[in-house]
Amino acid sequence: NNDILQILSDSNGQQQFEGVTKPNSEALSEIQQYLNMQEIKHLPTSMGDMHKRFSGIPYGWREVDIAALIAELVADKKISVKYSGAMILASDRKMPDYLRKRTVIDKVIIQKKGEISQIILKNAREFLREYFDIMDIPVDGDDVVVFVIDKFEEQKKLLSNMIAKEYSVRNYPDKKLIEEGIALCNDLLSQKRDGLLLLKKMNELADDFLDFNEDMGKVNAFFKNQRIIFDQAFDKLRDIEIEKEYFQNEQNALAIIYAIKEILSMQKPYKRINELPDLLHDIQDIYNHLLTEKREEVLSDIRAAMAEIHQTANIQQSEIVERADVALTAKRDSANTTANLIALDAMKIQIANLRQQYMRQLVTVQSDKKITTASRASICHTAQIKSEEDIEQYLEQVRKVLKNKLSGNDILHII
C-alpha cells in the first residue's frame, strides 16, 4: 500500500513490477487499450474487471501489480477512479483500498479521463483569477479541479455560517442573496464527481457568480461598516415601539419613524444607511423634549404633594411630614435621572398614592368621630361645560357623590 501511495504522489517515477513480464510502458498500454475497447462498447469497467482480466491468461499479473499500474495511470492523469459515483483524488489515502480491497473493487469504476481542452482550462483559470482576486491559480487541469472544489466548498460553508450566525440575530439585508449564493455553489459542486463537467459547469455559471460576487461586496461592506448603524436604528425603533403612544401627536416624529422603518425594511438599503444617523439624532431630540415635559410634570406633582402635606399637618404631626418628605424626595431624585417616559408616567401614579397615603394619616386622627377620606379624582370627573344648566347638572352629580361618601360617617376628608 505504501508503494502505491508513493506512485500516486510521483507521476514521473516508473517502476518495474515483479510478475509483469512486459516492460512497464507496454503493460500500461495494455490497460489503456482495454479501457478503449470497453468505452467503444459503452461498458463500465470496475476495478474487479481489471483484476479478472489481467490476473488470468495470458497476463498472469499479480493483484498488487495491477493496482500499482492503475495507480501509475491515475498519477499520470490518464484515467480516473470513481467510487459510488464520486471521483477519488490521487491524494486520497484510501486509494490503495479502492484498488485492492476485495469488498469494494467491484464498486470502483475505472475510466479514461475526459480531456480538458485548453480553451475550457483557460476560461476557468481566468474566471478563478477574477472571482477570487488571486493570481496564483494552478496550471494543470486536475489541480484546477481540486482548487475549484476546495474554494467553492469553503465559500459555501462561509455563506451557510452567515445565515446561521448573522441572519439568526435579526433580519439583516440581502439574506435572499446569500441563499442564492449557496444555491449557486450547490449547482456547481453537483458536478464535482467529474472534473471536465465541473469546469464546464463553472464556465457556464461564470456570469452568475461574478454578478453574485459584485452584490456580495456590498453585503460584506455592510457587515464591516454599516451594521452598527443599522443595529442602533433597529434598537431605537424597538424602544420607540414600546412608547409609541407618546408620539401620536408629534407629526414630525411620526414621519421620522416611518423613514427609519422604510430603510430598515429595504432588501438593499446600503445607499440610504447614511441617512440613519441624522434620523436617529432628530428622533432623540424629540424624545428628549417629551422627556423634559414629562419630568417637569412629575416634579410639579412632587412639589404640590409636599406643599399640601406641609399645609395640612399640625405641629404634632412632624414625624409624618418628615417621612413624607423622605419618600417624595427620593421620587424627585429618581425623576431627575430617569430617561424613560413610561417610568416617569409610573412615578406620577406612585406620587399620587404617596400623597393620599400621608394625607390620610394626617386627617385621620384619634377621636370619637367616625372619619372617612376620598380622593379628589373620585369626586370630580371630566366634563365639557357649555351653559349654566351644564354647571348645575355637574354640581348635582358632585353633590350626590359627596352625600354617598359621607353617609354613615361624621367627617369626610377630601384629599
Protein backbone atom coordinates (compact mmCIF):
# COMPACT_ATOMS: atom_id res chain seq x y z
CA ASN A 1 0.00 0.00 0.00
CA ASN A 2 2.85 2.40 0.76
CA ASP A 3 4.34 1.69 -2.69
CA ILE A 4 1.01 2.57 -4.31
CA LEU A 5 0.80 5.82 -2.33
CA GLN A 6 4.34 6.63 -3.44
CA ILE A 7 3.41 6.08 -7.09
CA LEU A 8 0.34 8.31 -6.70
CA SER A 9 2.47 11.09 -5.25
CA ASP A 10 5.14 10.91 -8.00
CA SER A 11 3.93 10.63 -11.58
CA ASN A 12 7.46 10.80 -13.04
CA GLY A 13 8.93 7.69 -11.43
CA GLN A 14 8.09 4.48 -13.24
CA GLN A 15 8.74 1.15 -11.61
CA GLN A 16 9.19 -2.39 -12.97
CA PHE A 17 6.69 -4.67 -11.23
CA GLU A 18 7.52 -8.27 -10.37
CA GLY A 19 5.19 -10.61 -12.26
CA VAL A 20 4.66 -8.19 -15.13
CA THR A 21 6.71 -9.71 -17.92
CA LYS A 22 6.37 -6.85 -20.39
CA PRO A 23 8.13 -3.50 -19.94
CA ASN A 24 6.13 -1.19 -17.75
CA SER A 25 5.08 1.10 -20.63
CA GLU A 26 3.68 -1.84 -22.55
CA ALA A 27 1.71 -3.03 -19.54
CA LEU A 28 0.24 0.41 -19.16
CA SER A 29 -0.62 0.44 -22.85
CA GLU A 30 -2.43 -2.91 -22.49
CA ILE A 31 -4.61 -1.45 -19.74
CA GLN A 32 -5.40 1.66 -21.81
CA GLN A 33 -6.31 -0.44 -24.84
CA TYR A 34 -8.67 -2.48 -22.71
CA LEU A 35 -10.33 0.70 -21.44
CA ASN A 36 -10.62 2.00 -25.01
CA MET A 37 -12.33 -1.23 -26.04
CA GLN A 38 -14.74 -1.02 -23.10
CA GLU A 39 -15.51 2.59 -23.94
CA ILE A 40 -16.31 1.69 -27.57
CA LYS A 41 -18.71 -0.97 -26.27
CA HIS A 42 -20.17 1.55 -23.80
CA LEU A 43 -19.39 -0.84 -20.95
CA PRO A 44 -18.42 0.31 -17.49
CA THR A 45 -15.15 -1.14 -16.18
CA SER A 46 -14.75 -1.91 -12.49
CA MET A 47 -11.50 -2.50 -10.65
CA GLY A 48 -12.79 -6.03 -10.20
CA ASP A 49 -12.94 -6.39 -14.01
CA MET A 50 -9.32 -5.22 -14.19
CA HIS A 51 -8.17 -7.84 -11.72
CA LYS A 52 -10.06 -10.63 -13.51
CA ARG A 53 -8.69 -9.74 -16.94
CA PHE A 54 -5.03 -9.13 -16.09
CA SER A 55 -4.59 -11.83 -13.45
CA GLY A 56 -5.69 -14.53 -15.91
CA ILE A 57 -4.21 -15.96 -19.11
CA PRO A 58 -2.27 -14.64 -20.98
CA TYR A 59 -1.20 -11.95 -18.49
CA GLY A 60 -0.95 -13.60 -15.07
CA TRP A 61 -0.14 -10.35 -13.27
CA ARG A 62 -0.27 -10.21 -9.51
CA GLU A 63 -3.08 -8.31 -7.80
CA VAL A 64 -0.69 -5.81 -6.25
CA ASP A 65 0.98 -5.15 -9.62
CA ILE A 66 -2.36 -4.49 -11.32
CA ALA A 67 -3.23 -2.00 -8.56
CA ALA A 68 0.18 -0.35 -8.95
CA LEU A 69 -0.23 0.01 -12.73
CA ILE A 70 -3.66 1.61 -12.27
CA ALA A 71 -2.12 3.92 -9.65
CA GLU A 72 0.53 5.00 -12.18
CA LEU A 73 -2.12 5.84 -14.78
CA VAL A 74 -4.02 7.83 -12.12
CA ALA A 75 -0.82 9.69 -11.19
CA ASP A 76 -0.20 10.43 -14.89
CA LYS A 77 -3.77 11.80 -15.09
CA LYS A 78 -4.75 9.37 -17.85
CA ILE A 79 -7.57 7.60 -16.01
CA SER A 80 -9.97 8.42 -13.19
CA VAL A 81 -11.22 6.31 -10.30
CA LYS A 82 -14.77 6.65 -9.02
CA TYR A 83 -16.50 5.06 -6.05
CA SER A 84 -20.27 5.35 -5.66
CA GLY A 85 -20.16 7.96 -8.43
CA ALA A 86 -17.67 10.21 -6.63
CA MET A 87 -14.26 10.91 -8.12
CA ILE A 88 -11.41 9.67 -5.92
CA LEU A 89 -8.46 12.03 -5.92
CA ALA A 90 -4.91 10.74 -6.31
CA SER A 91 -4.14 12.31 -2.92
CA ASP A 92 -6.78 10.19 -1.16
CA ARG A 93 -5.00 7.99 1.41
CA LYS A 94 -7.67 5.33 0.92
CA MET A 95 -6.84 4.90 -2.77
CA PRO A 96 -4.95 1.57 -2.20
CA ASP A 97 -8.14 0.12 -0.67
CA TYR A 98 -10.18 1.20 -3.69
CA LEU A 99 -7.66 -0.54 -5.97
CA ARG A 100 -7.14 -3.74 -3.95
CA LYS A 101 -9.78 -4.38 -1.29
CA ARG A 102 -11.94 -7.32 -2.41
CA THR A 103 -15.10 -5.99 -0.77
CA VAL A 104 -15.04 -2.74 -2.76
CA ILE A 105 -13.21 -3.32 -6.08
CA ASP A 106 -16.41 -4.34 -7.89
CA LYS A 107 -17.95 -0.96 -6.93
CA VAL A 108 -14.90 1.03 -8.09
CA ILE A 109 -15.19 2.27 -11.69
CA ILE A 110 -12.09 2.88 -13.81
CA GLN A 111 -12.45 5.05 -16.90
CA LYS A 112 -10.39 7.08 -19.32
CA LYS A 113 -10.07 10.67 -18.24
CA GLY A 114 -12.02 13.17 -20.34
CA GLU A 115 -9.67 15.59 -22.00
CA ILE A 116 -9.98 19.10 -20.60
CA SER A 117 -9.48 21.36 -23.60
CA GLN A 118 -7.11 24.29 -23.33
CA ILE A 119 -9.99 26.68 -24.03
CA ILE A 120 -12.05 25.32 -21.11
CA LEU A 121 -8.99 25.39 -18.86
CA LYS A 122 -8.02 28.93 -19.96
CA ASN A 123 -11.55 30.26 -19.35
CA ALA A 124 -11.71 28.52 -15.97
CA ARG A 125 -8.39 29.96 -14.81
CA GLU A 126 -9.33 33.48 -15.97
CA PHE A 127 -12.64 33.27 -14.12
CA LEU A 128 -10.99 32.00 -10.93
CA ARG A 129 -8.44 34.81 -11.07
CA GLU A 130 -11.16 37.43 -11.34
CA TYR A 131 -13.60 35.85 -8.92
CA PHE A 132 -11.18 35.21 -6.05
CA ASP A 133 -8.90 38.14 -6.92
CA ILE A 134 -5.75 35.98 -6.81
CA MET A 135 -3.06 35.37 -9.41
CA ASP A 136 -1.72 32.04 -8.16
CA ILE A 137 -4.07 29.64 -9.95
CA PRO A 138 -2.94 26.04 -10.71
CA VAL A 139 -2.00 25.28 -14.31
CA ASP A 140 -2.69 21.54 -14.55
CA GLY A 141 -6.31 20.56 -15.23
CA ASP A 142 -6.63 18.15 -12.31
CA ASP A 143 -5.09 20.67 -9.95
CA VAL A 144 -7.57 23.28 -11.16
CA VAL A 145 -10.43 20.87 -10.45
CA VAL A 146 -9.18 20.28 -6.90
CA PHE A 147 -8.74 24.05 -6.46
CA VAL A 148 -12.32 24.69 -7.62
CA ILE A 149 -13.79 22.06 -5.30
CA ASP A 150 -11.83 23.32 -2.28
CA LYS A 151 -12.59 27.00 -2.91
CA PHE A 152 -16.29 26.64 -3.54
CA GLU A 153 -16.79 24.16 -0.68
CA GLU A 154 -15.15 26.79 1.52
CA GLN A 155 -17.35 29.58 0.14
CA LYS A 156 -20.50 27.50 0.61
CA LYS A 157 -19.51 26.94 4.24
CA LEU A 158 -18.86 30.65 4.81
CA LEU A 159 -22.24 31.61 3.32
CA SER A 160 -24.05 28.95 5.34
CA ASN A 161 -22.36 30.23 8.51
CA MET A 162 -23.56 33.75 7.69
CA ILE A 163 -27.15 32.51 7.51
CA ALA A 164 -26.77 30.57 10.76
CA LYS A 165 -24.96 33.29 12.73
CA GLU A 166 -25.57 36.77 11.34
CA TYR A 167 -29.09 36.39 10.00
CA SER A 168 -30.30 34.48 13.04
CA VAL A 169 -29.69 37.65 15.10
CA ARG A 170 -32.10 39.82 13.08
CA ASN A 171 -33.41 40.37 9.56
CA TYR A 172 -30.34 41.96 8.00
CA PRO A 173 -30.44 42.96 4.30
CA ASP A 174 -29.89 40.56 1.40
CA LYS A 175 -30.49 37.23 3.12
CA LYS A 176 -32.02 36.09 -0.16
CA LEU A 177 -28.75 36.91 -1.96
CA ILE A 178 -26.78 34.72 0.47
CA GLU A 179 -29.23 31.88 -0.13
CA GLU A 180 -28.83 32.35 -3.90
CA GLY A 181 -25.04 32.16 -3.46
CA ILE A 182 -25.37 28.87 -1.60
CA ALA A 183 -27.62 27.57 -4.38
CA LEU A 184 -25.01 28.59 -6.99
CA CYS A 185 -22.28 26.73 -5.09
CA ASN A 186 -24.50 23.65 -4.82
CA ASP A 187 -25.26 23.80 -8.55
CA LEU A 188 -21.54 23.92 -9.36
CA LEU A 189 -20.47 21.30 -6.84
CA SER A 190 -23.15 18.89 -8.09
CA GLN A 191 -20.65 18.18 -10.91
CA LYS A 192 -17.62 17.63 -8.68
CA ARG A 193 -17.59 13.90 -9.45
CA ASP A 194 -16.32 14.67 -12.94
CA GLY A 195 -13.57 17.25 -13.38
CA LEU A 196 -14.42 18.08 -17.00
CA LEU A 197 -18.12 18.56 -16.25
CA LEU A 198 -17.21 20.62 -13.19
CA LEU A 199 -15.14 23.12 -15.20
CA LYS A 200 -17.78 23.27 -17.94
CA LYS A 201 -20.46 24.00 -15.33
CA MET A 202 -18.26 26.67 -13.73
CA ASN A 203 -17.69 28.41 -17.06
CA GLU A 204 -21.44 28.20 -17.72
CA LEU A 205 -22.20 29.83 -14.34
CA ALA A 206 -19.34 32.36 -14.52
CA ASP A 207 -21.55 35.43 -15.16
CA ASP A 208 -23.95 34.45 -12.37
CA PHE A 209 -21.06 34.03 -9.96
CA LEU A 210 -19.49 37.36 -10.96
CA ASP A 211 -22.84 39.16 -10.50
CA PHE A 212 -23.21 37.49 -7.11
CA ASN A 213 -19.67 38.47 -6.16
CA GLU A 214 -20.35 42.12 -7.01
CA ASP A 215 -23.52 42.18 -4.90
CA MET A 216 -21.75 40.26 -2.14
CA GLY A 217 -19.19 43.06 -1.92
CA LYS A 218 -21.97 45.38 -0.72
CA VAL A 219 -23.10 42.81 1.86
CA ASN A 220 -19.57 42.41 3.21
CA ALA A 221 -19.17 46.20 3.37
CA PHE A 222 -22.46 46.39 5.28
CA PHE A 223 -21.35 43.93 7.95
CA LYS A 224 -17.96 45.63 8.20
CA ASN A 225 -19.01 49.30 8.23
CA GLN A 226 -22.79 49.76 8.36
CA ARG A 227 -24.16 47.11 10.68
CA ILE A 228 -23.50 49.15 13.83
CA ILE A 229 -25.67 52.00 12.48
CA PHE A 230 -28.36 49.52 11.36
CA ASP A 231 -28.36 47.93 14.85
CA GLN A 232 -28.64 51.32 16.56
CA ALA A 233 -31.64 52.22 14.39
CA PHE A 234 -33.22 48.81 14.96
CA ASP A 235 -32.82 49.12 18.76
CA LYS A 236 -34.16 52.68 18.78
CA LEU A 237 -37.18 51.65 16.73
CA ARG A 238 -37.82 48.80 19.17
CA ASP A 239 -37.71 51.23 22.13
CA ILE A 240 -40.00 53.68 20.33
CA GLU A 241 -42.49 50.89 19.62
CA ILE A 242 -42.79 50.33 23.39
CA GLU A 243 -43.59 54.02 23.96
CA LYS A 244 -45.31 54.77 20.64
CA GLU A 245 -48.40 56.33 22.27
CA TYR A 246 -46.31 59.32 23.38
CA PHE A 247 -45.59 60.22 19.72
CA GLN A 248 -49.17 60.17 18.45
CA ASN A 249 -49.44 63.98 18.39
CA GLU A 250 -45.88 64.50 17.11
CA GLN A 251 -46.26 64.58 13.31
CA ASN A 252 -42.58 65.23 12.71
CA ALA A 253 -41.66 62.26 14.91
CA LEU A 254 -44.11 60.01 13.07
CA ALA A 255 -42.53 60.99 9.74
CA ILE A 256 -39.05 60.19 11.09
CA ILE A 257 -40.19 56.84 12.48
CA TYR A 258 -41.71 55.96 9.10
CA ALA A 259 -38.45 56.84 7.32
CA ILE A 260 -36.40 54.67 9.70
CA LYS A 261 -38.80 51.74 9.26
CA GLU A 262 -38.66 52.14 5.48
CA ILE A 263 -34.84 51.97 5.40
CA LEU A 264 -34.61 49.03 7.79
CA SER A 265 -37.14 47.02 5.79
CA MET A 266 -35.40 47.53 2.41
CA GLN A 267 -33.85 44.50 0.74
CA LYS A 268 -30.84 46.61 -0.29
CA PRO A 269 -30.68 49.71 1.95
CA TYR A 270 -26.94 50.34 1.50
CA LYS A 271 -27.27 53.74 -0.23
CA ARG A 272 -29.66 55.02 2.47
CA ILE A 273 -27.92 53.72 5.60
CA ASN A 274 -26.09 57.08 5.82
CA GLU A 275 -29.48 58.77 6.43
CA LEU A 276 -29.99 56.88 9.69
CA PRO A 277 -27.61 58.83 11.99
CA ASP A 278 -29.43 62.14 11.28
CA LEU A 279 -32.84 60.49 11.64
CA LEU A 280 -31.79 58.95 14.97
CA HIS A 281 -30.46 62.31 16.15
CA ASP A 282 -33.74 64.05 15.23
CA ILE A 283 -35.97 61.45 16.90
CA GLN A 284 -33.79 61.59 20.01
CA ASP A 285 -34.21 65.38 20.14
CA ILE A 286 -38.00 64.98 20.03
CA TYR A 287 -37.84 62.25 22.66
CA ASN A 288 -35.68 64.43 24.92
CA HIS A 289 -38.24 67.25 24.59
CA LEU A 290 -41.08 64.89 25.57
CA LEU A 291 -38.93 63.59 28.41
CA THR A 292 -38.30 67.11 29.72
CA GLU A 293 -42.03 67.90 29.66
CA LYS A 294 -42.95 64.65 31.40
CA ARG A 295 -40.20 65.10 34.00
CA GLU A 296 -41.48 68.59 34.77
CA GLU A 297 -44.99 67.15 35.27
CA VAL A 298 -43.61 64.65 37.77
CA LEU A 299 -41.55 67.26 39.64
CA SER A 300 -44.59 69.56 39.73
CA ASP A 301 -46.69 66.75 41.24
CA ILE A 302 -44.00 66.17 43.86
CA ARG A 303 -43.84 69.88 44.79
CA ALA A 304 -47.63 70.05 45.02
CA ALA A 305 -47.84 66.91 47.17
CA MET A 306 -45.13 68.13 49.56
CA ALA A 307 -46.77 71.56 49.86
CA GLU A 308 -50.20 70.08 50.58
CA ILE A 309 -48.81 67.71 53.20
CA HIS A 310 -46.93 70.55 54.93
CA GLN A 311 -50.01 72.83 54.88
CA THR A 312 -52.33 70.12 56.23
CA ALA A 313 -50.10 68.90 59.09
CA ASN A 314 -50.20 70.37 62.57
CA ILE A 315 -47.21 70.71 64.86
CA GLN A 316 -47.80 67.29 66.45
CA GLN A 317 -47.57 65.56 63.07
CA SER A 318 -43.97 66.49 62.21
CA GLU A 319 -42.88 62.84 62.15
CA ILE A 320 -45.42 62.02 59.42
CA VAL A 321 -44.28 65.07 57.45
CA GLU A 322 -40.63 64.01 57.69
CA ARG A 323 -41.43 60.52 56.39
CA ALA A 324 -43.41 62.02 53.52
CA ASP A 325 -40.54 64.37 52.67
CA VAL A 326 -38.06 61.47 52.57
CA ALA A 327 -40.30 59.40 50.30
CA LEU A 328 -41.11 62.25 47.92
CA THR A 329 -37.51 63.49 47.81
CA ALA A 330 -36.45 60.00 46.73
CA LYS A 331 -39.01 60.20 43.93
CA ARG A 332 -37.68 63.61 42.92
CA ASP A 333 -34.11 62.30 42.72
CA SER A 334 -35.27 59.33 40.68
CA ALA A 335 -37.27 61.56 38.32
CA ASN A 336 -34.20 63.71 37.66
CA THR A 337 -32.19 60.69 36.48
CA THR A 338 -34.86 58.61 34.73
CA ALA A 339 -34.67 58.77 30.91
CA ASN A 340 -37.81 56.77 30.19
CA LEU A 341 -41.29 58.17 29.56
CA ILE A 342 -43.12 55.08 30.83
CA ALA A 343 -41.10 55.11 34.06
CA LEU A 344 -41.92 58.80 34.60
CA ASP A 345 -45.62 58.15 33.98
CA ALA A 346 -45.49 55.36 36.53
CA MET A 347 -43.96 57.81 39.03
CA LYS A 348 -46.97 60.11 38.68
CA ILE A 349 -49.20 57.28 39.94
CA GLN A 350 -46.74 56.43 42.73
CA ILE A 351 -46.58 60.07 43.83
CA ALA A 352 -50.38 60.32 43.89
CA ASN A 353 -50.51 57.18 46.04
CA LEU A 354 -47.87 58.55 48.42
CA ARG A 355 -49.74 61.84 48.71
CA GLN A 356 -53.01 60.07 49.55
CA GLN A 357 -51.26 57.73 51.99
CA TYR A 358 -49.72 60.57 54.03
CA MET A 359 -52.74 62.86 53.73
CA ARG A 360 -54.94 60.07 55.06
CA GLN A 361 -52.58 59.68 58.05
CA LEU A 362 -52.73 63.42 58.71
CA VAL A 363 -56.53 63.79 58.61
CA THR A 364 -57.46 60.52 60.28
CA VAL A 365 -56.81 61.39 63.94
CA GLN A 366 -57.86 59.56 67.09
CA SER A 367 -61.26 60.89 68.13
CA ASP A 368 -64.80 59.81 68.87
CA LYS A 369 -65.79 60.93 65.41
CA LYS A 370 -66.19 58.49 62.52
CA ILE A 371 -63.90 59.80 59.77
CA THR A 372 -63.60 58.75 56.13
CA THR A 373 -61.50 60.01 53.21
CA ALA A 374 -61.95 60.32 49.45
CA SER A 375 -59.62 61.36 46.68
CA ARG A 376 -60.48 64.40 44.61
CA ALA A 377 -60.37 62.28 41.47
CA SER A 378 -63.15 60.03 42.81
CA ILE A 379 -65.46 63.02 43.28
CA CYS A 380 -64.88 65.17 40.22
CA HIS A 381 -64.92 63.82 36.70
CA THR A 382 -64.01 65.33 33.37
CA ALA A 383 -66.77 67.25 31.64
CA GLN A 384 -67.49 69.84 28.97
CA ILE A 385 -69.42 72.85 30.28
CA LYS A 386 -71.29 74.99 27.78
CA SER A 387 -74.03 76.58 29.84
CA GLU A 388 -75.27 77.38 33.33
CA GLU A 389 -77.52 74.36 33.04
CA ASP A 390 -74.42 72.17 32.48
CA ILE A 391 -72.90 73.67 35.63
CA GLU A 392 -75.98 72.84 37.69
CA GLN A 393 -76.07 69.27 36.37
CA TYR A 394 -72.37 68.79 37.10
CA LEU A 395 -72.69 70.15 40.63
CA GLU A 396 -75.71 67.96 41.24
CA GLN A 397 -73.66 64.88 40.33
CA VAL A 398 -70.86 66.00 42.67
CA ARG A 399 -73.41 66.59 45.43
CA LYS A 400 -74.75 63.05 45.08
CA VAL A 401 -71.24 61.59 45.25
CA LEU A 402 -70.39 63.62 48.37
CA LYS A 403 -73.60 62.63 50.11
CA ASN A 404 -72.98 58.99 49.31
CA LYS A 405 -69.40 59.09 50.68
CA LEU A 406 -70.43 60.99 53.83
CA SER A 407 -73.29 58.60 54.52
CA GLY A 408 -72.64 56.70 57.80
CA ASN A 409 -69.69 58.96 58.75
CA ASP A 410 -69.27 62.09 60.81
CA ILE A 411 -66.48 63.65 58.74
CA LEU A 412 -65.39 63.28 55.07
CA HIS A 413 -61.88 64.43 54.22
CA ILE A 414 -61.28 65.10 50.54
CA ILE A 415 -57.59 64.52 49.87
